[in-house]
Amino acid sequence: GPQWMVTPGPAFQQDIIAGVQLILSNNIQKERNTMSRPFWKLTVRSEFCAAHALRHYQGKCEHLHGHNYAVEVVVKGYTLSQNTMDFGDLKALLKQALEPLDHAYINDVPPFDAVNPSSENLARYIWNQMAPSLPETVKMYSVTVAEKGIQSATYMEE
């Protein structure tokens, strides 16, 4: 039998080209929307000495004991007008957050009179103390609390 062969005309080819261009344009726009924006992270560190006892731990740490805690706070900013945040101001906020804990029996310091004074909870506590006092140019990024140099707990929010 006869074979039919259809040769696409110029209008059909233009439709194909327009369709491919639309797909490419949408993909480029999606890529732009998911591209990350640059930001700066500022880090300050401090330490404090305190005693605590972990409740319901079932081990040595359930007894009264102390640590020389190391604390690292990281804030994140998207703008660099003058500076993201002055390091001195950030250190002062951290010092203020640590003041009630330094040389204290943490279990007596609210909220740790009811909440277990673990490194995880200390990191969240420091975050909550500092976050409301930050300037609008920065947001909290992370707080890390270490009881010793080889282990630490980091609190972050998405």
Protein backbone atom coordinates (compact mmCIF):
# COMPACT_ATOMS: atom_id res chain seq x y z
CA GLY A 1 0.00 0.00 0.00
CA PRO A 2 0.94 3.57 -0.31
CA GLN A 3 2.99 5.07 2.49
CA TRP A 4 2.14 8.51 3.69
CA MET A 5 4.76 10.79 4.95
CA VAL A 6 3.89 14.06 6.62
CA THR A 7 6.44 16.81 6.47
CA PRO A 8 5.85 19.37 9.20
CA GLY A 9 5.40 22.84 7.84
CA PRO A 10 6.92 26.06 9.15
CA ALA A 11 3.95 26.78 11.47
CA PHE A 12 4.35 23.38 13.16
CA GLN A 13 8.11 23.94 13.58
CA GLN A 14 7.48 27.37 15.12
CA ASP A 15 5.05 25.80 17.60
CA ILE A 16 7.68 23.22 18.60
CA ILE A 17 10.35 25.91 19.02
CA ALA A 18 7.95 28.08 21.09
CA GLY A 19 7.12 25.08 23.31
CA VAL A 20 10.80 24.26 23.92
CA GLN A 21 11.54 27.94 24.69
CA LEU A 22 8.66 28.02 27.20
CA ILE A 23 9.92 24.87 28.94
CA LEU A 24 13.48 26.25 29.11
CA SER A 25 12.20 29.61 30.38
CA ASN A 26 10.16 27.92 33.15
CA ASN A 27 13.15 25.78 34.18
CA ILE A 28 15.44 28.82 34.35
CA GLN A 29 12.86 30.69 36.47
CA LYS A 30 12.53 27.71 38.84
CA GLU A 31 16.31 27.59 39.14
CA ARG A 32 16.44 31.32 39.94
CA ASN A 33 13.73 30.92 42.59
CA THR A 34 15.66 28.13 44.35
CA MET A 35 19.06 29.79 44.12
CA SER A 36 20.44 30.69 47.51
CA ARG A 37 21.10 34.26 48.48
CA PRO A 38 24.37 35.25 50.07
CA PHE A 39 24.54 35.81 53.81
CA TRP A 40 27.06 36.38 56.60
CA LYS A 41 27.43 34.39 59.79
CA LEU A 42 28.94 36.01 62.87
CA THR A 43 30.23 33.79 65.67
CA VAL A 44 31.07 34.60 69.29
CA ARG A 45 32.23 32.22 71.98
CA SER A 46 32.23 32.33 75.75
CA GLU A 47 32.36 30.01 78.72
CA PHE A 48 30.89 29.71 82.18
CA CYS A 49 31.28 27.45 85.19
CA ALA A 50 28.26 25.86 86.83
CA ALA A 51 26.95 22.82 88.66
CA HIS A 52 23.91 20.75 87.80
CA ALA A 53 22.32 17.37 88.31
CA LEU A 54 20.43 15.63 85.51
CA ARG A 55 17.04 14.34 86.63
CA HIS A 56 16.07 10.74 85.80
CA TYR A 57 19.42 10.12 84.11
CA GLN A 58 20.20 6.79 85.82
CA GLY A 59 23.93 7.33 85.89
CA LYS A 60 26.69 9.38 87.49
CA CYS A 61 25.37 12.61 85.97
CA GLU A 62 22.23 12.33 88.10
CA HIS A 63 24.44 13.37 91.03
CA LEU A 64 25.54 16.94 91.63
CA HIS A 65 28.56 17.75 89.43
CA GLY A 66 30.04 20.71 87.57
CA HIS A 67 31.36 21.72 84.17
CA ASN A 68 33.35 24.46 82.53
CA TYR A 69 30.85 25.00 79.74
CA ALA A 70 31.87 26.36 76.34
CA VAL A 71 29.21 28.27 74.39
CA GLU A 72 29.20 29.29 70.74
CA VAL A 73 26.52 31.58 69.30
CA VAL A 74 26.13 32.14 65.56
CA VAL A 75 23.85 34.78 64.04
CA LYS A 76 23.02 35.19 60.36
CA GLY A 77 22.48 38.37 58.37
CA TYR A 78 21.66 39.11 54.73
CA THR A 79 22.77 42.72 54.58
CA LEU A 80 26.11 44.36 55.08
CA SER A 81 25.20 47.99 55.65
CA GLN A 82 28.07 49.29 57.78
CA ASN A 83 28.33 45.88 59.44
CA THR A 84 25.94 42.98 59.95
CA MET A 85 26.13 43.35 63.76
CA ASP A 86 28.86 44.63 66.02
CA PHE A 87 30.78 41.78 67.67
CA GLY A 88 30.87 43.72 70.94
CA ASP A 89 27.07 43.96 71.00
CA LEU A 90 26.73 40.25 70.27
CA LYS A 91 29.23 39.36 73.03
CA ALA A 92 27.34 41.59 75.47
CA LEU A 93 24.05 39.81 74.70
CA LEU A 94 25.71 36.43 75.25
CA LYS A 95 27.24 37.62 78.53
CA GLN A 96 23.81 38.80 79.67
CA ALA A 97 22.25 35.42 78.78
CA LEU A 98 24.95 33.51 80.68
CA GLU A 99 24.92 35.74 83.77
CA PRO A 100 22.22 33.78 85.68
CA LEU A 101 24.04 30.47 84.94
CA ASP A 102 27.63 31.41 85.77
CA HIS A 103 28.84 29.96 89.09
CA ALA A 104 25.31 28.79 89.85
CA TYR A 105 23.57 25.53 90.63
CA ILE A 106 21.63 25.47 87.35
CA ASN A 107 18.82 23.33 88.78
CA ASP A 108 17.82 26.36 90.92
CA VAL A 109 17.69 28.77 87.95
CA PRO A 110 14.29 29.01 86.18
CA PRO A 111 13.31 27.26 83.92
CA PHE A 112 15.78 24.58 85.05
CA ASP A 113 14.01 24.25 88.37
CA ALA A 114 11.44 22.33 86.27
CA VAL A 115 13.32 21.54 83.00
CA ASN A 116 16.29 19.18 82.95
CA PRO A 117 19.53 21.23 82.73
CA SER A 118 21.01 19.25 79.83
CA SER A 119 23.31 20.79 77.23
CA GLU A 120 20.44 20.62 74.72
CA ASN A 121 18.11 22.58 77.01
CA LEU A 122 20.85 25.06 77.93
CA ALA A 123 21.43 25.77 74.22
CA ARG A 124 17.69 26.42 73.69
CA TYR A 125 17.59 28.61 76.82
CA ILE A 126 20.49 30.78 75.57
CA TRP A 127 18.79 31.07 72.15
CA ASN A 128 15.54 32.19 73.78
CA GLN A 129 17.35 34.74 75.97
CA MET A 130 19.23 36.30 73.05
CA ALA A 131 16.84 36.15 70.07
CA PRO A 132 14.41 38.91 71.18
CA SER A 133 17.27 41.39 71.72
CA LEU A 134 18.88 41.02 68.29
CA PRO A 135 18.68 43.90 65.81
CA GLU A 136 16.47 43.44 62.77
CA THR A 137 19.56 42.94 60.57
CA VAL A 138 20.31 39.49 62.01
CA LYS A 139 18.59 36.29 63.14
CA MET A 140 19.80 33.54 65.43
CA TYR A 141 21.45 30.73 63.46
CA SER A 142 22.70 28.31 66.15
CA VAL A 143 23.72 27.98 69.77
CA THR A 144 26.16 25.25 70.76
CA VAL A 145 26.86 24.23 74.36
CA ALA A 146 29.73 21.88 75.23
CA GLU A 147 30.36 20.29 78.63
CA LYS A 148 33.72 19.12 77.31
CA GLY A 149 35.64 19.76 74.13
CA ILE A 150 34.79 16.41 72.58
CA GLN A 151 30.99 16.64 72.74
CA SER A 152 28.41 19.35 72.31
CA ALA A 153 24.73 20.01 71.66
CA THR A 154 23.56 22.53 69.06
CA TYR A 155 20.13 24.18 68.97
CA MET A 156 18.77 25.60 65.69
CA GLU A 157 15.37 26.49 64.29
CA GLU A 158 14.15 26.16 60.72
